[in-house]
Structure formats: C-alpha cells, structure tokens
Amino acid sequence: MLGVPLQATLGYPSSAEKGPQGDPDQRVGLGHWRDGFTQAAQADWAAAFLSLVMCKPYVRSAYWTHLTDAEPHQFPNCGLLQPDGTANAALAEVMRLRGEHLK
C-alpha cells in the first residue's frame, strides 16, 4: 500500500522566526515537538525520528530536508547549519546515529 521500499525526508525547525532565505509562504508553528522550536528541540526530534526511521527494514534511505539555512529553501529554519555556517545541535545527532548504525 505504501510502495515499499520507502525513502523518508525529515526536517524540524530550530527556530520559530521567519528565516530570510525560507519560502515566505511556509510558516513555523503549526505544531511542535516537546520544547517548541529551539536547537535543542530540533536535535531531540532528529534523534527520535531518525532512530525510528532507521530501524524500519522497509525504509531504504533517510534524507534531511536541506543542509543549510544560508541558501534559499522551502522549510524555514530546518537546516542543519545556521545562516552563518555554524552547526545546529541536530547535525551532531545525525552524525552520531549515522556512525552508530551505518558502518
């Protein structure tokens, strides 16, 4: 029914602010994970949902919606890198999970 194998695209915003490079028609704030829209919440969400996706045998691959918020993108503040190039805490979680499970 779902057309397995699946490819999952994940993303969660690190801020509720309107990002200057984000799609102006997209909004943040239509629901949130635990502590809202912070780097810590993004990292926690990434760890929880990427772990879930990675444990399913019918998921072929998982992608993060976009790497950086410095370039034009669809989903506001969902990048793993801030507009100034510094890494969000979620990048460390993605790298940790990749290192633990994809050898």
N, C-alpha and C. Protein backbone atom coordinates (compact mmCIF):
# COMPACT_ATOMS: atom_id res chain seq x y z
N MET A 1 0.81 -1.18 0.00
CA MET A 1 0.00 0.00 0.00
C MET A 1 0.86 1.26 0.00
N LEU A 2 1.98 1.24 0.74
CA LEU A 2 2.83 2.42 0.82
C LEU A 2 3.88 2.46 -0.29
N GLY A 3 4.01 1.42 -1.06
CA GLY A 3 5.00 1.42 -2.12
C GLY A 3 6.41 1.22 -1.59
N VAL A 4 6.59 0.22 -0.75
CA VAL A 4 7.91 -0.03 -0.16
C VAL A 4 8.86 -0.53 -1.23
N PRO A 5 10.14 -0.27 -1.14
CA PRO A 5 10.81 0.40 -0.03
C PRO A 5 10.57 1.91 -0.04
N LEU A 6 10.64 2.50 1.15
CA LEU A 6 10.37 3.92 1.32
C LEU A 6 11.65 4.74 1.40
N GLN A 7 11.55 5.98 1.00
CA GLN A 7 12.60 6.97 1.21
C GLN A 7 11.97 8.07 2.06
N ALA A 8 12.56 8.35 3.22
CA ALA A 8 11.99 9.32 4.15
C ALA A 8 12.76 10.63 4.10
N THR A 9 12.04 11.73 4.07
CA THR A 9 12.65 13.06 4.18
C THR A 9 12.20 13.65 5.51
N LEU A 10 13.17 14.07 6.32
CA LEU A 10 12.91 14.58 7.66
C LEU A 10 13.31 16.04 7.76
N GLY A 11 12.66 16.76 8.65
CA GLY A 11 13.04 18.13 8.92
C GLY A 11 12.22 18.68 10.06
N TYR A 12 12.88 19.47 10.90
CA TYR A 12 12.21 20.12 12.02
C TYR A 12 12.91 21.46 12.25
N PRO A 13 12.16 22.54 12.43
CA PRO A 13 12.79 23.86 12.56
C PRO A 13 13.50 24.08 13.89
N SER A 14 14.59 24.81 13.83
CA SER A 14 15.36 25.15 15.02
C SER A 14 14.93 26.48 15.61
N SER A 15 14.00 27.15 14.96
CA SER A 15 13.52 28.46 15.42
C SER A 15 12.15 28.72 14.81
N ALA A 16 11.35 29.50 15.53
CA ALA A 16 10.04 29.89 15.01
C ALA A 16 10.10 31.19 14.23
N GLU A 17 11.28 31.81 14.20
CA GLU A 17 11.45 33.06 13.47
C GLU A 17 11.30 32.83 11.97
N LYS A 18 10.91 33.87 11.27
CA LYS A 18 10.80 33.77 9.81
C LYS A 18 12.21 33.88 9.23
N GLY A 19 12.68 32.83 8.61
CA GLY A 19 14.03 32.83 8.04
C GLY A 19 14.06 33.63 6.75
N PRO A 20 15.09 34.45 6.55
CA PRO A 20 15.14 35.29 5.36
C PRO A 20 15.28 34.51 4.05
N GLN A 21 15.83 33.30 4.11
CA GLN A 21 16.00 32.50 2.90
C GLN A 21 14.89 31.46 2.73
N GLY A 22 14.02 31.33 3.72
CA GLY A 22 12.94 30.35 3.64
C GLY A 22 11.80 30.81 2.75
N ASP A 23 11.01 29.88 2.29
CA ASP A 23 9.84 30.17 1.47
C ASP A 23 8.88 31.03 2.28
N PRO A 24 8.53 32.23 1.80
CA PRO A 24 7.65 33.11 2.57
C PRO A 24 6.24 32.56 2.75
N ASP A 25 5.85 31.59 1.95
CA ASP A 25 4.52 31.01 2.08
C ASP A 25 4.44 29.91 3.14
N GLN A 26 5.59 29.47 3.64
CA GLN A 26 5.64 28.43 4.68
C GLN A 26 5.72 29.09 6.05
N ARG A 27 5.05 28.49 7.02
CA ARG A 27 5.07 29.03 8.39
C ARG A 27 5.55 27.97 9.36
N VAL A 28 6.16 28.43 10.44
CA VAL A 28 6.53 27.57 11.55
C VAL A 28 5.50 27.81 12.65
N GLY A 29 5.12 26.78 13.34
CA GLY A 29 4.24 26.99 14.48
C GLY A 29 2.90 26.28 14.38
N LEU A 30 2.77 25.35 13.47
CA LEU A 30 1.50 24.65 13.32
C LEU A 30 1.47 23.37 14.16
N GLY A 31 2.36 23.27 15.10
CA GLY A 31 2.52 22.12 15.97
C GLY A 31 3.99 22.01 16.30
N HIS A 32 4.30 21.50 17.47
CA HIS A 32 5.71 21.44 17.84
C HIS A 32 6.03 20.20 18.65
N TRP A 33 7.30 19.90 18.75
CA TRP A 33 7.83 18.77 19.50
C TRP A 33 8.29 19.28 20.85
N ARG A 34 7.82 18.72 21.89
CA ARG A 34 8.20 18.97 23.28
C ARG A 34 8.43 20.44 23.62
N ASP A 35 9.67 20.93 23.50
CA ASP A 35 10.00 22.28 23.97
C ASP A 35 9.86 23.37 22.92
N GLY A 36 9.20 23.08 21.83
CA GLY A 36 8.99 24.11 20.81
C GLY A 36 10.03 24.12 19.73
N PHE A 37 10.43 25.29 19.31
CA PHE A 37 11.33 25.45 18.17
C PHE A 37 12.65 26.04 18.64
N THR A 38 13.53 25.17 19.07
CA THR A 38 14.87 25.55 19.52
C THR A 38 15.86 24.57 18.91
N GLN A 39 17.14 24.89 18.99
CA GLN A 39 18.14 23.95 18.50
C GLN A 39 18.10 22.65 19.29
N ALA A 40 17.87 22.75 20.61
CA ALA A 40 17.79 21.53 21.43
C ALA A 40 16.59 20.67 21.03
N ALA A 41 15.45 21.29 20.77
CA ALA A 41 14.26 20.54 20.35
C ALA A 41 14.48 19.92 18.97
N GLN A 42 15.14 20.65 18.06
CA GLN A 42 15.44 20.11 16.74
C GLN A 42 16.33 18.88 16.87
N ALA A 43 17.35 18.96 17.73
CA ALA A 43 18.27 17.84 17.93
C ALA A 43 17.54 16.64 18.53
N ASP A 44 16.69 16.88 19.50
CA ASP A 44 15.92 15.81 20.14
C ASP A 44 14.98 15.16 19.14
N TRP A 45 14.30 15.99 18.34
CA TRP A 45 13.38 15.47 17.31
C TRP A 45 14.15 14.65 16.28
N ALA A 46 15.28 15.17 15.84
CA ALA A 46 16.08 14.45 14.84
C ALA A 46 16.52 13.09 15.36
N ALA A 47 16.98 13.04 16.60
CA ALA A 47 17.42 11.77 17.19
C ALA A 47 16.26 10.79 17.29
N ALA A 48 15.10 11.25 17.75
CA ALA A 48 13.95 10.38 17.92
C ALA A 48 13.41 9.85 16.59
N PHE A 49 13.20 10.75 15.64
CA PHE A 49 12.56 10.33 14.39
C PHE A 49 13.54 9.64 13.44
N LEU A 50 14.78 10.05 13.43
CA LEU A 50 15.75 9.36 12.59
C LEU A 50 15.99 7.95 13.12
N SER A 51 16.03 7.79 14.43
CA SER A 51 16.16 6.44 15.02
C SER A 51 14.99 5.56 14.61
N LEU A 52 13.80 6.12 14.66
CA LEU A 52 12.61 5.37 14.28
C LEU A 52 12.67 4.95 12.81
N VAL A 53 13.03 5.88 11.95
CA VAL A 53 13.09 5.59 10.52
C VAL A 53 14.17 4.55 10.23
N MET A 54 15.31 4.68 10.90
CA MET A 54 16.43 3.78 10.63
C MET A 54 16.17 2.34 11.07
N CYS A 55 15.27 2.13 12.01
CA CYS A 55 15.03 0.77 12.49
C CYS A 55 14.00 0.01 11.66
N LYS A 56 13.40 0.66 10.70
CA LYS A 56 12.39 0.01 9.87
C LYS A 56 13.04 -0.63 8.64
N PRO A 57 12.87 -1.94 8.46
CA PRO A 57 13.55 -2.62 7.35
C PRO A 57 13.07 -2.20 5.96
N TYR A 58 11.89 -1.61 5.88
CA TYR A 58 11.35 -1.21 4.57
C TYR A 58 11.73 0.23 4.19
N VAL A 59 12.51 0.91 5.02
CA VAL A 59 13.00 2.24 4.69
C VAL A 59 14.37 2.10 4.06
N ARG A 60 14.48 2.52 2.83
CA ARG A 60 15.73 2.39 2.09
C ARG A 60 16.70 3.52 2.43
N SER A 61 16.18 4.74 2.61
CA SER A 61 17.06 5.87 2.88
C SER A 61 16.30 6.95 3.64
N ALA A 62 17.09 7.78 4.33
CA ALA A 62 16.54 8.92 5.05
C ALA A 62 17.34 10.15 4.66
N TYR A 63 16.63 11.23 4.39
CA TYR A 63 17.24 12.49 3.97
C TYR A 63 16.78 13.59 4.92
N TRP A 64 17.65 14.55 5.15
CA TRP A 64 17.24 15.76 5.87
C TRP A 64 16.81 16.76 4.82
N THR A 65 15.77 17.53 5.07
CA THR A 65 15.15 18.39 4.07
C THR A 65 16.13 19.33 3.38
N HIS A 66 17.04 19.95 4.13
CA HIS A 66 18.11 20.74 3.49
C HIS A 66 19.23 20.96 4.49
N LEU A 67 20.43 21.15 3.97
CA LEU A 67 21.61 21.26 4.82
C LEU A 67 21.71 22.59 5.53
N THR A 68 21.55 23.68 4.80
CA THR A 68 21.84 24.99 5.37
C THR A 68 20.69 25.97 5.21
N ASP A 69 20.57 26.85 6.19
CA ASP A 69 19.58 27.92 6.11
C ASP A 69 20.16 29.16 5.44
N ALA A 70 21.39 29.08 4.95
CA ALA A 70 22.05 30.23 4.31
C ALA A 70 21.64 30.40 2.86
N GLU A 71 21.05 29.37 2.27
CA GLU A 71 20.64 29.42 0.87
C GLU A 71 19.12 29.32 0.79
N PRO A 72 18.51 29.73 -0.31
CA PRO A 72 17.05 29.63 -0.43
C PRO A 72 16.59 28.18 -0.21
N HIS A 73 15.50 28.03 0.56
CA HIS A 73 14.98 26.71 0.89
C HIS A 73 13.48 26.82 1.14
N GLN A 74 12.83 25.68 1.15
CA GLN A 74 11.38 25.66 1.29
C GLN A 74 10.93 25.79 2.74
N PHE A 75 11.52 25.02 3.64
CA PHE A 75 11.02 24.95 5.01
C PHE A 75 11.87 25.83 5.93
N PRO A 76 11.29 26.85 6.55
CA PRO A 76 12.04 27.80 7.37
C PRO A 76 12.77 27.14 8.54
N ASN A 77 14.05 27.48 8.67
CA ASN A 77 14.87 27.10 9.82
C ASN A 77 15.03 25.59 10.03
N CYS A 78 14.88 24.81 8.98
CA CYS A 78 15.03 23.36 9.12
C CYS A 78 16.44 22.88 8.78
N GLY A 79 17.32 23.77 8.39
CA GLY A 79 18.67 23.37 8.04
C GLY A 79 19.45 22.85 9.23
N LEU A 80 20.47 22.07 8.94
CA LEU A 80 21.38 21.58 9.97
C LEU A 80 22.48 22.60 10.24
N LEU A 81 22.60 23.59 9.36
CA LEU A 81 23.56 24.68 9.54
C LEU A 81 22.80 26.00 9.59
N GLN A 82 23.22 26.88 10.48
CA GLN A 82 22.65 28.22 10.61
C GLN A 82 23.06 29.07 9.40
N PRO A 83 22.41 30.19 9.17
CA PRO A 83 22.79 31.05 8.05
C PRO A 83 24.26 31.50 8.09
N ASP A 84 24.84 31.58 9.29
CA ASP A 84 26.25 31.97 9.39
C ASP A 84 27.22 30.79 9.24
N GLY A 85 26.68 29.59 9.00
CA GLY A 85 27.51 28.41 8.77
C GLY A 85 27.79 27.57 10.00
N THR A 86 27.38 28.03 11.18
CA THR A 86 27.60 27.22 12.38
C THR A 86 26.60 26.07 12.41
N ALA A 87 27.06 24.96 12.97
CA ALA A 87 26.24 23.75 13.01
C ALA A 87 25.19 23.82 14.11
N ASN A 88 23.99 23.36 13.79
CA ASN A 88 22.96 23.17 14.80
C ASN A 88 23.27 21.88 15.56
N ALA A 89 22.72 21.76 16.75
CA ALA A 89 22.92 20.55 17.56
C ALA A 89 22.38 19.31 16.86
N ALA A 90 21.40 19.47 15.99
CA ALA A 90 20.83 18.33 15.27
C ALA A 90 21.85 17.67 14.35
N LEU A 91 22.80 18.43 13.82
CA LEU A 91 23.81 17.84 12.95
C LEU A 91 24.63 16.82 13.72
N ALA A 92 24.96 17.10 14.96
CA ALA A 92 25.71 16.15 15.78
C ALA A 92 24.91 14.87 15.99
N GLU A 93 23.60 14.99 16.17
CA GLU A 93 22.75 13.80 16.36
C GLU A 93 22.68 12.97 15.08
N VAL A 94 22.54 13.63 13.95
CA VAL A 94 22.51 12.91 12.67
C VAL A 94 23.83 12.17 12.45
N MET A 95 24.92 12.85 12.71
CA MET A 95 26.24 12.22 12.54
C MET A 95 26.46 11.08 13.53
N ARG A 96 25.99 11.25 14.76
CA ARG A 96 26.12 10.19 15.77
C ARG A 96 25.37 8.94 15.33
N LEU A 97 24.12 9.11 14.93
CA LEU A 97 23.31 7.97 14.50
C LEU A 97 23.90 7.31 13.26
N ARG A 98 24.37 8.11 12.34
CA ARG A 98 24.99 7.56 11.13
C ARG A 98 26.20 6.72 11.51
N GLY A 99 27.03 7.22 12.42
CA GLY A 99 28.21 6.49 12.85
C GLY A 99 27.90 5.21 13.58
N GLU A 100 26.84 5.22 14.38
CA GLU A 100 26.47 4.03 15.16
C GLU A 100 25.84 2.94 14.32
N HIS A 101 25.08 3.32 13.29
CA HIS A 101 24.27 2.34 12.59
C HIS A 101 24.66 2.07 11.15
N LEU A 102 25.40 2.94 10.54
CA LEU A 102 25.75 2.75 9.13
C LEU A 102 27.25 2.56 8.99
N LYS A 103 27.69 1.39 9.24
CA LYS A 103 29.13 1.10 9.17
C LYS A 103 29.46 0.33 7.93
